[in-house]
C-alpha cells in the first residue's frame, strides 16, 4: 500500500519520471538574448556597409596600423570570404534556409551560450542576406559589400565575422556536450562536475582512491 502511494506521489510530482528536466516552453530570457545579439550584429553590419559605400566606393583603400588593416569597398557575389562567386542564387537560398532553421531551433532554446551562438549566426546570415535581396544586380543575385582586409586573407565584413564567431562557439559548445535545451549529453555533465570540483583520480595515491584501498596494512 505504501509502495503504491509512494509511486503515485512520484508520478504526480514528476510524470515524466526524469528529474531535473524542464518540458515547458522556451524561456523568454534565452530567446530574448538570441534576438538582442542578432539585432546587434545585424545593425552593426548594415550601418558599417552604408558608411563604407558612402565613403569608400570608387576611392583608394585606407591603410591602418602600418598596413595590418585595410579598409576597402568591394562587392562579393559568393559566400563568406568570397567563396564560390559563381553560385550567388544558391548561397542566397542556403542563407534563407539557415535563417529558417535557426528560428525553428529557437523553440527549444534554454541555454544562454547557445542563445549567443545562434544570435551571432542569425545576425550574420541576415546581414549578408539583405545584400543578396536588395543590392545590384538583381534580387537573389545581389553582391555583398565587403570592406575589411587583413594580410593574406580575403576581404570580409562584420556579418562574416559574426558567422565565424558563432560557428566557433557552436563547435565549442558541442564538444562540451551542452545542448540547445540547456542539458548535457550523458557523461559530459559528470566530467564537467569533476573538473569543477577538482576530484582526484581513482588511482591517485593518498587521495582515497583504489590504490589506497588495495594497499596492505602494516603489521605491528
N, C-alpha and C. Protein backbone atom coordinates (compact mmCIF):
# COMPACT_ATOMS: atom_id res chain seq x y z
N UNK A 1 0.83 -1.21 0.00
CA UNK A 1 0.00 0.00 0.00
C UNK A 1 0.85 1.25 0.00
N UNK A 2 1.90 1.22 0.85
CA UNK A 2 2.80 2.37 0.90
C UNK A 2 3.55 2.54 -0.40
N UNK A 3 3.94 1.40 -0.98
CA UNK A 3 4.65 1.47 -2.25
C UNK A 3 3.77 2.09 -3.33
N UNK A 4 2.52 1.69 -3.32
CA UNK A 4 1.60 2.24 -4.32
C UNK A 4 1.41 3.72 -4.14
N UNK A 5 1.26 4.13 -2.86
CA UNK A 5 1.09 5.56 -2.61
C UNK A 5 2.35 6.34 -2.97
N UNK A 6 3.50 5.76 -2.63
CA UNK A 6 4.76 6.45 -2.95
C UNK A 6 4.95 6.60 -4.44
N UNK A 7 4.61 5.55 -5.16
CA UNK A 7 4.74 5.62 -6.61
C UNK A 7 3.80 6.64 -7.19
N UNK A 8 2.59 6.69 -6.65
CA UNK A 8 1.61 7.66 -7.13
C UNK A 8 2.08 9.07 -6.88
N UNK A 9 2.69 9.30 -5.69
CA UNK A 9 3.18 10.63 -5.37
C UNK A 9 4.30 11.04 -6.30
N UNK A 10 5.19 10.11 -6.60
CA UNK A 10 6.30 10.42 -7.51
C UNK A 10 5.79 10.72 -8.90
N UNK A 11 4.81 9.93 -9.34
CA UNK A 11 4.27 10.13 -10.67
C UNK A 11 3.59 11.48 -10.79
N UNK A 12 2.93 11.93 -9.70
CA UNK A 12 2.23 13.19 -9.77
C UNK A 12 3.20 14.36 -9.78
N UNK A 13 4.28 14.25 -9.04
CA UNK A 13 5.24 15.36 -8.98
C UNK A 13 6.15 15.38 -10.19
N UNK A 14 6.39 14.25 -10.80
CA UNK A 14 7.27 14.19 -11.96
C UNK A 14 6.73 13.15 -12.92
N UNK A 15 5.72 13.48 -13.71
CA UNK A 15 5.08 12.49 -14.58
C UNK A 15 6.00 11.88 -15.59
N UNK A 16 7.05 12.57 -15.96
CA UNK A 16 7.96 12.04 -16.96
C UNK A 16 8.93 11.03 -16.35
N UNK A 17 9.04 11.03 -15.00
CA UNK A 17 9.96 10.12 -14.36
C UNK A 17 11.40 10.51 -14.55
N UNK A 18 11.66 11.74 -14.92
CA UNK A 18 13.02 12.21 -15.17
C UNK A 18 13.23 13.48 -14.37
N UNK A 19 14.15 13.40 -13.42
CA UNK A 19 14.40 14.55 -12.56
C UNK A 19 15.23 15.58 -13.28
N UNK A 20 14.92 16.85 -13.00
CA UNK A 20 15.78 17.93 -13.46
C UNK A 20 15.53 18.37 -14.88
N UNK A 21 14.57 17.81 -15.59
CA UNK A 21 14.33 18.20 -16.96
C UNK A 21 13.09 19.08 -17.03
N UNK A 22 13.17 20.14 -17.81
CA UNK A 22 12.04 21.05 -17.99
C UNK A 22 11.42 20.80 -19.35
N UNK A 23 10.11 20.62 -19.35
CA UNK A 23 9.42 20.36 -20.62
C UNK A 23 8.54 21.53 -21.00
N UNK A 24 8.71 22.68 -20.36
CA UNK A 24 7.89 23.84 -20.65
C UNK A 24 8.35 24.55 -21.91
N UNK A 25 7.71 25.67 -22.21
CA UNK A 25 8.08 26.45 -23.40
C UNK A 25 9.44 27.11 -23.22
N UNK A 26 10.06 27.61 -24.30
CA UNK A 26 11.36 28.26 -24.18
C UNK A 26 11.31 29.43 -23.21
N UNK A 27 12.35 29.59 -22.45
CA UNK A 27 12.41 30.71 -21.52
C UNK A 27 12.55 32.01 -22.30
N UNK A 28 11.71 33.00 -22.04
CA UNK A 28 11.77 34.26 -22.79
C UNK A 28 13.13 34.92 -22.73
N UNK A 29 13.83 34.77 -21.57
CA UNK A 29 15.13 35.43 -21.44
C UNK A 29 16.13 34.88 -22.44
N UNK A 30 16.08 33.57 -22.68
CA UNK A 30 17.01 32.96 -23.62
C UNK A 30 16.70 33.41 -25.06
N UNK A 31 15.44 33.37 -25.43
CA UNK A 31 15.06 33.83 -26.76
C UNK A 31 15.33 35.32 -26.90
N UNK A 32 15.13 36.07 -25.83
CA UNK A 32 15.43 37.50 -25.87
C UNK A 32 16.89 37.77 -26.12
N UNK A 33 17.76 36.96 -25.53
CA UNK A 33 19.21 37.12 -25.77
C UNK A 33 19.53 36.84 -27.23
N UNK A 34 18.95 35.78 -27.78
CA UNK A 34 19.16 35.47 -29.20
C UNK A 34 18.76 36.65 -30.07
N UNK A 35 17.58 37.19 -29.83
CA UNK A 35 17.09 38.31 -30.64
C UNK A 35 17.98 39.54 -30.47
N UNK A 36 18.39 39.83 -29.23
CA UNK A 36 19.23 41.00 -28.98
C UNK A 36 20.58 40.89 -29.67
N UNK A 37 21.21 39.71 -29.58
CA UNK A 37 22.51 39.51 -30.23
C UNK A 37 22.36 39.59 -31.74
N UNK A 38 21.31 38.97 -32.28
CA UNK A 38 21.09 39.01 -33.73
C UNK A 38 20.86 40.42 -34.22
N UNK A 39 20.05 41.20 -33.51
CA UNK A 39 19.79 42.58 -33.92
C UNK A 39 21.04 43.44 -33.82
N UNK A 40 21.85 43.22 -32.79
CA UNK A 40 23.09 43.98 -32.64
C UNK A 40 24.05 43.68 -33.79
N UNK A 41 24.22 42.39 -34.12
CA UNK A 41 25.10 42.02 -35.23
C UNK A 41 24.57 42.55 -36.55
N UNK A 42 23.25 42.45 -36.75
CA UNK A 42 22.65 42.94 -37.99
C UNK A 42 22.79 44.45 -38.13
N UNK A 43 22.51 45.18 -37.04
CA UNK A 43 22.60 46.64 -37.09
C UNK A 43 24.03 47.09 -37.36
N UNK A 44 24.99 46.46 -36.69
CA UNK A 44 26.39 46.83 -36.91
C UNK A 44 26.81 46.58 -38.35
N UNK A 45 26.36 45.46 -38.91
CA UNK A 45 26.71 45.13 -40.29
C UNK A 45 26.09 46.11 -41.28
N UNK A 46 24.80 46.41 -41.11
CA UNK A 46 24.12 47.30 -42.05
C UNK A 46 24.69 48.71 -41.98
N UNK A 47 24.89 49.22 -40.76
CA UNK A 47 25.40 50.59 -40.61
C UNK A 47 26.79 50.73 -41.20
N UNK A 48 27.67 49.78 -40.92
CA UNK A 48 29.03 49.87 -41.46
C UNK A 48 29.04 49.77 -42.98
N UNK A 49 28.17 48.96 -43.55
CA UNK A 49 28.11 48.85 -45.01
C UNK A 49 27.62 50.16 -45.63
N UNK A 50 26.65 50.80 -45.00
CA UNK A 50 26.17 52.09 -45.52
C UNK A 50 27.29 53.12 -45.49
N UNK A 51 28.02 53.17 -44.39
CA UNK A 51 29.13 54.13 -44.27
C UNK A 51 30.22 53.82 -45.28
N UNK A 52 30.54 52.54 -45.44
CA UNK A 52 31.60 52.15 -46.38
C UNK A 52 31.23 52.52 -47.81
N UNK A 53 30.00 52.23 -48.22
CA UNK A 53 29.58 52.57 -49.58
C UNK A 53 29.62 54.07 -49.80
N UNK A 54 29.24 54.85 -48.78
CA UNK A 54 29.20 56.30 -48.91
C UNK A 54 30.58 56.94 -48.92
N UNK A 55 31.55 56.31 -48.27
CA UNK A 55 32.86 56.96 -48.10
C UNK A 55 34.00 56.29 -48.86
N UNK A 56 33.86 55.01 -49.19
CA UNK A 56 34.99 54.30 -49.79
C UNK A 56 34.74 53.83 -51.22
N UNK A 57 33.50 53.92 -51.70
CA UNK A 57 33.23 53.44 -53.05
C UNK A 57 33.98 54.27 -54.08
N UNK A 58 34.67 53.57 -54.99
CA UNK A 58 35.46 54.20 -56.06
C UNK A 58 36.55 55.11 -55.51
N UNK A 59 37.07 54.77 -54.34
CA UNK A 59 38.16 55.55 -53.75
C UNK A 59 39.30 54.62 -53.36
N UNK A 60 40.44 55.23 -53.09
CA UNK A 60 41.61 54.46 -52.71
C UNK A 60 41.40 53.83 -51.33
N UNK A 61 41.91 52.61 -51.13
CA UNK A 61 41.78 51.97 -49.82
C UNK A 61 42.49 52.78 -48.73
N UNK A 62 42.00 52.65 -47.53
CA UNK A 62 42.60 53.32 -46.37
C UNK A 62 43.39 52.27 -45.58
N UNK A 63 44.69 52.50 -45.45
CA UNK A 63 45.55 51.55 -44.74
C UNK A 63 45.82 52.05 -43.33
N UNK A 64 45.60 51.16 -42.37
CA UNK A 64 45.78 51.49 -40.97
C UNK A 64 46.76 50.51 -40.32
N UNK A 65 47.33 50.95 -39.21
CA UNK A 65 48.24 50.10 -38.42
C UNK A 65 49.39 49.56 -39.27
N UNK A 66 49.95 50.45 -40.09
CA UNK A 66 51.09 50.06 -40.91
C UNK A 66 50.75 49.02 -41.96
N UNK A 67 49.52 49.01 -42.44
CA UNK A 67 49.10 48.05 -43.46
C UNK A 67 48.53 46.76 -42.89
N UNK A 68 48.52 46.64 -41.56
CA UNK A 68 47.96 45.43 -40.95
C UNK A 68 46.45 45.35 -41.19
N UNK A 69 45.79 46.49 -41.26
CA UNK A 69 44.35 46.56 -41.52
C UNK A 69 44.09 47.54 -42.65
N UNK A 70 43.33 47.10 -43.64
CA UNK A 70 42.99 47.95 -44.79
C UNK A 70 41.48 48.01 -44.94
N UNK A 71 40.97 49.23 -45.12
CA UNK A 71 39.54 49.44 -45.36
C UNK A 71 39.34 49.69 -46.84
N UNK A 72 38.63 48.81 -47.51
CA UNK A 72 38.41 48.92 -48.94
C UNK A 72 37.04 48.37 -49.30
N UNK A 73 36.34 49.05 -50.19
CA UNK A 73 34.99 48.64 -50.58
C UNK A 73 35.05 47.72 -51.79
N UNK A 74 34.57 46.49 -51.61
CA UNK A 74 34.50 45.53 -52.71
C UNK A 74 33.12 44.88 -52.72
N UNK A 75 32.77 44.26 -53.84
CA UNK A 75 31.49 43.55 -53.95
C UNK A 75 31.76 42.06 -54.16
N UNK A 76 31.04 41.23 -53.44
CA UNK A 76 31.25 39.80 -53.43
C UNK A 76 29.97 39.09 -53.85
N UNK A 77 30.05 38.31 -54.92
CA UNK A 77 28.88 37.57 -55.40
C UNK A 77 28.81 36.17 -54.83
N UNK A 78 29.81 35.78 -54.04
CA UNK A 78 29.84 34.43 -53.49
C UNK A 78 29.44 34.39 -52.04
N UNK A 79 29.95 33.38 -51.33
CA UNK A 79 29.65 33.22 -49.91
C UNK A 79 30.63 34.04 -49.10
N UNK A 80 30.69 33.76 -47.80
CA UNK A 80 31.60 34.49 -46.93
C UNK A 80 33.03 34.33 -47.41
N UNK A 81 33.79 35.42 -47.33
CA UNK A 81 35.20 35.45 -47.73
C UNK A 81 35.37 35.13 -49.22
N UNK A 82 34.37 35.54 -50.03
CA UNK A 82 34.44 35.43 -51.50
C UNK A 82 34.54 33.99 -51.99
N UNK A 83 33.92 33.06 -51.29
CA UNK A 83 33.95 31.66 -51.69
C UNK A 83 32.78 31.38 -52.64
N UNK A 84 33.07 30.70 -53.77
CA UNK A 84 32.02 30.30 -54.69
C UNK A 84 31.30 31.45 -55.34
N UNK A 85 32.04 32.32 -56.01
CA UNK A 85 31.45 33.53 -56.58
C UNK A 85 30.47 33.26 -57.72
N UNK A 86 30.45 32.05 -58.25
CA UNK A 86 29.55 31.75 -59.35
C UNK A 86 28.22 31.15 -58.93
N UNK A 87 27.97 31.09 -57.62
CA UNK A 87 26.75 30.42 -57.13
C UNK A 87 25.95 31.36 -56.23
N UNK A 88 25.72 32.57 -56.71
CA UNK A 88 25.07 33.59 -55.89
C UNK A 88 23.67 33.16 -55.46
N UNK A 89 22.85 32.69 -56.40
CA UNK A 89 21.47 32.30 -56.08
C UNK A 89 21.46 31.13 -55.10
N UNK A 90 22.37 30.18 -55.29
CA UNK A 90 22.43 29.02 -54.39
C UNK A 90 22.72 29.47 -52.97
N UNK A 91 23.71 30.35 -52.80
CA UNK A 91 24.06 30.82 -51.46
C UNK A 91 22.93 31.64 -50.85
N UNK A 92 22.18 32.35 -51.68
CA UNK A 92 21.03 33.09 -51.17
C UNK A 92 19.99 32.15 -50.60
N UNK A 93 19.68 31.09 -51.33
CA UNK A 93 18.69 30.12 -50.86
C UNK A 93 19.19 29.39 -49.61
N UNK A 94 20.49 29.09 -49.57
CA UNK A 94 21.07 28.46 -48.38
C UNK A 94 20.94 29.37 -47.17
N UNK A 95 21.20 30.66 -47.37
CA UNK A 95 21.09 31.62 -46.27
C UNK A 95 19.66 31.68 -45.74
N UNK A 96 18.68 31.65 -46.64
CA UNK A 96 17.28 31.65 -46.22
C UNK A 96 16.98 30.39 -45.40
N UNK A 97 17.50 29.26 -45.86
CA UNK A 97 17.30 28.01 -45.12
C UNK A 97 17.93 28.05 -43.74
N UNK A 98 19.11 28.65 -43.63
CA UNK A 98 19.78 28.77 -42.33
C UNK A 98 18.95 29.61 -41.37
N UNK A 99 18.43 30.72 -41.87
CA UNK A 99 17.61 31.60 -41.03
C UNK A 99 16.38 30.86 -40.52
N UNK A 100 15.70 30.13 -41.41
CA UNK A 100 14.51 29.37 -41.01
C UNK A 100 14.87 28.31 -39.97
N UNK A 101 16.00 27.62 -40.19
CA UNK A 101 16.41 26.57 -39.25
C UNK A 101 16.71 27.14 -37.87
N UNK A 102 17.37 28.29 -37.81
CA UNK A 102 17.68 28.91 -36.52
C UNK A 102 16.40 29.32 -35.80
N UNK A 103 15.46 29.89 -36.53
CA UNK A 103 14.20 30.30 -35.92
C UNK A 103 13.41 29.11 -35.39
N UNK A 104 13.45 28.00 -36.10
CA UNK A 104 12.77 26.79 -35.63
C UNK A 104 13.47 26.23 -34.40
N UNK A 105 14.79 26.27 -34.39
CA UNK A 105 15.56 25.76 -33.25
C UNK A 105 15.29 26.57 -31.99
N UNK A 106 15.00 27.85 -32.16
CA UNK A 106 14.78 28.73 -31.00
C UNK A 106 13.60 28.29 -30.15
N UNK A 107 12.72 27.46 -30.68
CA UNK A 107 11.58 26.99 -29.89
C UNK A 107 12.02 26.14 -28.70
N UNK A 108 13.18 25.49 -28.81
CA UNK A 108 13.69 24.65 -27.73
C UNK A 108 14.86 25.29 -26.99
N UNK A 109 15.07 26.57 -27.19
CA UNK A 109 16.26 27.23 -26.66
C UNK A 109 16.12 27.51 -25.17
N UNK A 110 17.00 26.89 -24.37
CA UNK A 110 17.03 27.14 -22.93
C UNK A 110 18.46 27.35 -22.43
N UNK A 111 19.39 27.50 -23.34
CA UNK A 111 20.80 27.66 -22.98
C UNK A 111 21.28 29.06 -23.36
N UNK A 112 21.85 29.76 -22.39
CA UNK A 112 22.36 31.11 -22.65
C UNK A 112 23.51 31.11 -23.65
N UNK A 113 24.53 30.23 -23.51
CA UNK A 113 25.60 30.21 -24.52
C UNK A 113 25.09 29.92 -25.93
N UNK A 114 24.13 28.99 -26.04
CA UNK A 114 23.58 28.71 -27.36
C UNK A 114 22.76 29.88 -27.89
N UNK A 115 22.13 30.64 -27.00
CA UNK A 115 21.40 31.83 -27.44
C UNK A 115 22.35 32.84 -28.07
N UNK A 116 23.51 33.04 -27.45
CA UNK A 116 24.51 33.94 -28.02
C UNK A 116 25.02 33.40 -29.35
N UNK A 117 25.31 32.11 -29.39
CA UNK A 117 25.82 31.48 -30.61
C UNK A 117 24.83 31.62 -31.76
N UNK A 118 23.59 31.25 -31.53
CA UNK A 118 22.59 31.33 -32.60
C UNK A 118 22.28 32.77 -32.97
N UNK A 119 22.37 33.68 -32.01
CA UNK A 119 22.18 35.10 -32.32
C UNK A 119 23.24 35.61 -33.28
N UNK A 120 24.49 35.22 -33.06
CA UNK A 120 25.57 35.63 -33.97
C UNK A 120 25.35 35.04 -35.37
N UNK A 121 25.00 33.77 -35.42
CA UNK A 121 24.76 33.14 -36.72
C UNK A 121 23.58 33.77 -37.45
N UNK A 122 22.51 34.04 -36.70
CA UNK A 122 21.32 34.63 -37.32
C UNK A 122 21.60 36.05 -37.80
N UNK A 123 22.23 36.86 -36.97
CA UNK A 123 22.53 38.23 -37.38
C UNK A 123 23.45 38.29 -38.58
N UNK A 124 24.48 37.43 -38.60
CA UNK A 124 25.39 37.41 -39.74
C UNK A 124 24.72 36.93 -41.02
N UNK A 125 23.90 35.88 -40.90
CA UNK A 125 23.22 35.36 -42.08
C UNK A 125 22.24 36.37 -42.66
N UNK A 126 21.48 37.04 -41.79
CA UNK A 126 20.52 38.03 -42.28
C UNK A 126 21.25 39.24 -42.85
N UNK A 127 22.38 39.63 -42.25
CA UNK A 127 23.13 40.77 -42.76
C UNK A 127 23.55 40.60 -44.21
N UNK A 128 24.12 39.44 -44.53
CA UNK A 128 24.50 39.19 -45.92
C UNK A 128 23.29 38.91 -46.80
N UNK A 129 22.23 38.34 -46.21
CA UNK A 129 21.02 38.07 -46.99
C UNK A 129 20.36 39.36 -47.45
N UNK A 130 20.41 40.40 -46.64
CA UNK A 130 19.85 41.69 -47.04
C UNK A 130 20.53 42.19 -48.31
N UNK A 131 21.85 42.05 -48.38
CA UNK A 131 22.57 42.45 -49.59
C UNK A 131 22.14 41.61 -50.78
N UNK A 132 21.98 40.30 -50.57
CA UNK A 132 21.58 39.41 -51.67
C UNK A 132 20.22 39.82 -52.24
N UNK A 133 19.34 40.25 -51.39
CA UNK A 133 17.98 40.55 -51.82
C UNK A 133 17.81 41.96 -52.35
N UNK A 134 18.58 42.92 -51.85
CA UNK A 134 18.32 44.33 -52.15
C UNK A 134 19.36 45.00 -53.03
N UNK A 135 20.55 44.48 -53.09
CA UNK A 135 21.59 45.18 -53.85
C UNK A 135 21.65 44.67 -55.29
N UNK A 136 22.34 45.46 -56.13
CA UNK A 136 22.52 45.12 -57.53
C UNK A 136 23.36 43.84 -57.63
N UNK A 137 23.18 43.07 -58.73
CA UNK A 137 22.45 43.44 -59.95
C UNK A 137 20.96 43.10 -59.95
N UNK A 138 20.52 42.17 -59.05
CA UNK A 138 19.11 41.77 -59.07
C UNK A 138 18.78 41.05 -57.77
N UNK A 139 17.49 40.98 -57.42
CA UNK A 139 17.10 40.22 -56.23
C UNK A 139 17.57 38.77 -56.33
N UNK A 140 18.02 38.23 -55.20
CA UNK A 140 18.61 36.89 -55.08
C UNK A 140 19.99 36.80 -55.68
N UNK A 141 20.39 37.82 -56.45
CA UNK A 141 21.71 37.82 -57.08
C UNK A 141 22.55 39.01 -56.63
N UNK A 142 22.10 39.71 -55.61
CA UNK A 142 22.82 40.89 -55.15
C UNK A 142 24.21 40.56 -54.64
N UNK A 143 25.12 41.51 -54.83
CA UNK A 143 26.50 41.33 -54.38
C UNK A 143 26.67 41.93 -52.99
N UNK A 144 27.32 41.17 -52.12
CA UNK A 144 27.52 41.58 -50.73
C UNK A 144 28.67 42.58 -50.65
N UNK A 145 28.51 43.59 -49.80
CA UNK A 145 29.56 44.59 -49.59
C UNK A 145 30.56 44.05 -48.57
N UNK A 146 31.80 43.91 -48.99
CA UNK A 146 32.90 43.55 -48.09
C UNK A 146 33.84 44.73 -47.97
N UNK A 147 34.49 44.87 -46.80
CA UNK A 147 35.31 46.08 -46.64
C UNK A 147 36.47 45.94 -45.66
N UNK A 148 36.61 44.82 -45.01
CA UNK A 148 37.71 44.62 -44.06
C UNK A 148 38.75 43.70 -44.70
N UNK A 149 39.99 44.15 -44.72
CA UNK A 149 41.05 43.35 -45.32
C UNK A 149 42.26 43.30 -44.39
N UNK A 150 42.75 42.08 -44.17
CA UNK A 150 43.98 41.87 -43.42
C UNK A 150 44.92 41.08 -44.33
N UNK A 151 46.23 41.11 -44.05
CA UNK A 151 47.18 40.45 -44.94
C UNK A 151 46.88 38.96 -45.12
N UNK A 152 47.03 38.49 -46.35
CA UNK A 152 46.89 37.07 -46.69
C UNK A 152 45.52 36.50 -46.33
N UNK A 153 44.48 37.32 -46.51
CA UNK A 153 43.13 36.87 -46.17
C UNK A 153 42.14 37.58 -47.07
N UNK A 154 41.05 36.90 -47.48
CA UNK A 154 40.05 37.57 -48.32
C UNK A 154 39.38 38.73 -47.60
N UNK A 155 38.85 39.66 -48.37
CA UNK A 155 38.11 40.79 -47.81
C UNK A 155 36.79 40.27 -47.22
N UNK A 156 36.40 40.79 -46.05
CA UNK A 156 35.18 40.33 -45.40
C UNK A 156 34.46 41.49 -44.75
N UNK A 157 33.37 41.20 -44.06
CA UNK A 157 32.58 42.24 -43.39
C UNK A 157 32.20 41.76 -41.99
N UNK A 158 31.44 42.57 -41.27
CA UNK A 158 31.07 42.21 -39.90
C UNK A 158 30.12 41.02 -39.85
N UNK A 159 29.29 40.86 -40.87
CA UNK A 159 28.40 39.70 -40.92
C UNK A 159 29.21 38.41 -41.00
N UNK A 160 30.25 38.42 -41.84
CA UNK A 160 31.13 37.25 -41.92
C UNK A 160 31.78 36.96 -40.57
N UNK A 161 32.22 38.01 -39.88
CA UNK A 161 32.85 37.84 -38.57
C UNK A 161 31.88 37.23 -37.57
N UNK A 162 30.62 37.69 -37.59
CA UNK A 162 29.62 37.13 -36.69
C UNK A 162 29.37 35.66 -36.97
N UNK A 163 29.33 35.29 -38.25
CA UNK A 163 29.12 33.89 -38.62
C UNK A 163 30.28 33.02 -38.14
N UNK A 164 31.50 33.49 -38.32
CA UNK A 164 32.67 32.73 -37.89
C UNK A 164 32.69 32.57 -36.37
N UNK A 165 32.43 33.64 -35.64
CA UNK A 165 32.41 33.57 -34.18
C UNK A 165 31.30 32.64 -33.69
N UNK A 166 30.12 32.73 -34.32
CA UNK A 166 29.03 31.84 -33.94
C UNK A 166 29.34 30.38 -34.25
N UNK A 167 29.97 30.13 -35.39
CA UNK A 167 30.34 28.76 -35.73
C UNK A 167 31.38 28.19 -34.79
N UNK A 168 32.38 29.00 -34.42
CA UNK A 168 33.40 28.54 -33.47
C UNK A 168 32.77 28.23 -32.12
N UNK A 169 31.86 29.09 -31.67
CA UNK A 169 31.19 28.86 -30.39
C UNK A 169 30.33 27.61 -30.43
N UNK A 170 29.68 27.35 -31.57
CA UNK A 170 28.85 26.15 -31.71
C UNK A 170 29.70 24.88 -31.58
N UNK A 171 30.87 24.89 -32.21
CA UNK A 171 31.77 23.73 -32.10
C UNK A 171 32.21 23.53 -30.66
N UNK A 172 32.54 24.62 -29.98
CA UNK A 172 32.99 24.53 -28.59
C UNK A 172 31.88 23.98 -27.68
N UNK A 173 30.66 24.48 -27.85
CA UNK A 173 29.55 24.02 -27.02
C UNK A 173 29.22 22.55 -27.30
N UNK A 174 29.27 22.16 -28.57
CA UNK A 174 29.00 20.77 -28.92
C UNK A 174 30.07 19.85 -28.33
N UNK A 175 31.33 20.30 -28.35
CA UNK A 175 32.41 19.49 -27.79
C UNK A 175 32.26 19.30 -26.28
N UNK A 176 31.68 20.27 -25.61
CA UNK A 176 31.46 20.18 -24.17
C UNK A 176 30.15 19.46 -23.82
N UNK A 177 29.40 19.06 -24.84
CA UNK A 177 28.19 18.31 -24.60
C UNK A 177 26.98 19.13 -24.21
N UNK A 178 27.06 20.45 -24.32
CA UNK A 178 25.93 21.30 -23.95
C UNK A 178 24.95 21.36 -25.12
N UNK A 179 23.69 21.08 -24.84
CA UNK A 179 22.67 21.05 -25.87
C UNK A 179 21.83 22.33 -25.86
N UNK A 180 21.03 22.47 -26.93
CA UNK A 180 20.22 23.68 -27.09
C UNK A 180 19.28 23.89 -25.91
N UNK A 181 18.74 22.81 -25.36
CA UNK A 181 17.77 22.93 -24.28
C UNK A 181 18.41 23.12 -22.91
N UNK A 182 19.72 23.28 -22.86
CA UNK A 182 20.42 23.53 -21.60
C UNK A 182 20.91 22.29 -20.90
N UNK A 183 20.55 21.10 -21.37
CA UNK A 183 21.02 19.86 -20.77
C UNK A 183 22.36 19.47 -21.38
N UNK A 184 23.00 18.48 -20.75
CA UNK A 184 24.26 17.97 -21.26
C UNK A 184 24.10 16.52 -21.71
N UNK A 185 24.90 16.12 -22.66
CA UNK A 185 24.88 14.75 -23.11
C UNK A 185 25.35 13.83 -21.99
N UNK A 186 24.88 12.58 -21.93
CA UNK A 186 25.30 11.65 -20.87
C UNK A 186 26.82 11.52 -20.82
N UNK A 187 27.36 11.64 -19.61
CA UNK A 187 28.80 11.54 -19.42
C UNK A 187 29.51 12.86 -19.42
N UNK A 188 28.93 13.87 -20.11
CA UNK A 188 29.56 15.18 -20.16
C UNK A 188 29.36 15.95 -18.87
N UNK A 189 28.17 15.80 -18.25
CA UNK A 189 27.91 16.54 -17.02
C UNK A 189 28.78 16.05 -15.88
N UNK A 190 29.02 14.71 -15.82
CA UNK A 190 29.89 14.20 -14.77
C UNK A 190 31.31 14.69 -14.95
N UNK A 191 31.78 14.72 -16.20
CA UNK A 191 33.13 15.21 -16.45
C UNK A 191 33.27 16.67 -16.07
N UNK A 192 32.24 17.48 -16.41
CA UNK A 192 32.30 18.90 -16.08
C UNK A 192 32.28 19.11 -14.57
N UNK A 193 31.46 18.32 -13.83
CA UNK A 193 31.42 18.46 -12.38
C UNK A 193 32.73 18.03 -11.75
N UNK A 194 33.35 16.97 -12.29
CA UNK A 194 34.62 16.51 -11.74
C UNK A 194 35.71 17.55 -11.95
N UNK A 195 35.71 18.18 -13.13
CA UNK A 195 36.71 19.22 -13.39
C UNK A 195 36.50 20.41 -12.48
N UNK A 196 35.23 20.78 -12.25
CA UNK A 196 34.94 21.94 -11.41
C UNK A 196 35.29 21.68 -9.95
N UNK A 197 35.04 20.45 -9.46
CA UNK A 197 35.30 20.13 -8.06
C UNK A 197 36.74 19.75 -7.80
N UNK A 198 37.50 19.44 -8.86
CA UNK A 198 38.88 19.04 -8.68
C UNK A 198 39.03 17.70 -8.01
N UNK A 199 38.13 16.75 -8.30
CA UNK A 199 38.19 15.45 -7.67
C UNK A 199 39.41 14.69 -8.14
N UNK A 200 40.11 13.99 -7.24
CA UNK A 200 41.30 13.24 -7.62
C UNK A 200 40.93 11.99 -8.39
N UNK A 201 41.87 11.48 -9.12
CA UNK A 201 41.65 10.25 -9.86
C UNK A 201 41.54 9.07 -8.93
N UNK A 202 40.92 8.02 -9.42
CA UNK A 202 40.66 6.86 -8.59
C UNK A 202 41.93 6.16 -8.17
N UNK A 203 42.96 6.21 -9.00
CA UNK A 203 44.19 5.50 -8.71
C UNK A 203 45.27 6.41 -8.16
N UNK A 204 44.95 7.68 -7.87
CA UNK A 204 45.95 8.60 -7.36
C UNK A 204 46.25 8.27 -5.91
N UNK A 205 47.51 8.01 -5.55
CA UNK A 205 47.83 7.61 -4.18
C UNK A 205 47.59 8.74 -3.21
N UNK A 206 47.16 8.34 -1.99
CA UNK A 206 46.99 9.31 -0.92
C UNK A 206 45.72 10.10 -1.01
N UNK A 207 44.83 9.80 -1.96
CA UNK A 207 43.61 10.58 -2.15
C UNK A 207 42.36 9.74 -1.97
N UNK A 208 42.49 8.58 -1.34
CA UNK A 208 41.31 7.76 -1.10
C UNK A 208 40.87 6.98 -2.30
N UNK A 209 41.75 6.76 -3.27
CA UNK A 209 41.38 6.04 -4.47
C UNK A 209 41.53 4.55 -4.30
N UNK A 210 41.48 3.84 -5.43
CA UNK A 210 41.57 2.40 -5.40
C UNK A 210 42.93 1.93 -4.95
N UNK A 211 43.97 2.74 -5.22
CA UNK A 211 45.33 2.35 -4.85
C UNK A 211 45.47 2.25 -3.34
N UNK A 212 44.85 3.19 -2.59
CA UNK A 212 44.92 3.14 -1.14
C UNK A 212 44.13 1.97 -0.59
N UNK A 213 42.99 1.67 -1.22
CA UNK A 213 42.18 0.57 -0.73
C UNK A 213 42.89 -0.76 -0.89
N UNK A 214 43.73 -0.87 -1.92
CA UNK A 214 44.42 -2.12 -2.18
C UNK A 214 45.73 -2.24 -1.41
N UNK A 215 46.19 -1.18 -0.75
CA UNK A 215 47.47 -1.19 -0.05
C UNK A 215 47.38 -2.07 1.19
N UNK A 216 48.36 -2.96 1.44
CA UNK A 216 48.32 -3.85 2.62
C UNK A 216 48.55 -3.07 3.90
N UNK A 217 47.92 -3.54 5.00
CA UNK A 217 48.12 -2.90 6.29
C UNK A 217 49.43 -3.36 6.90
N UNK A 218 50.08 -2.42 7.60
CA UNK A 218 51.33 -2.75 8.27
C UNK A 218 51.05 -3.52 9.55
N UNK A 219 51.78 -4.62 9.77
CA UNK A 219 51.63 -5.41 10.99
C UNK A 219 52.57 -4.87 12.06
N UNK A 220 52.12 -4.86 13.33
CA UNK A 220 52.99 -4.38 14.42
C UNK A 220 54.16 -5.31 14.65
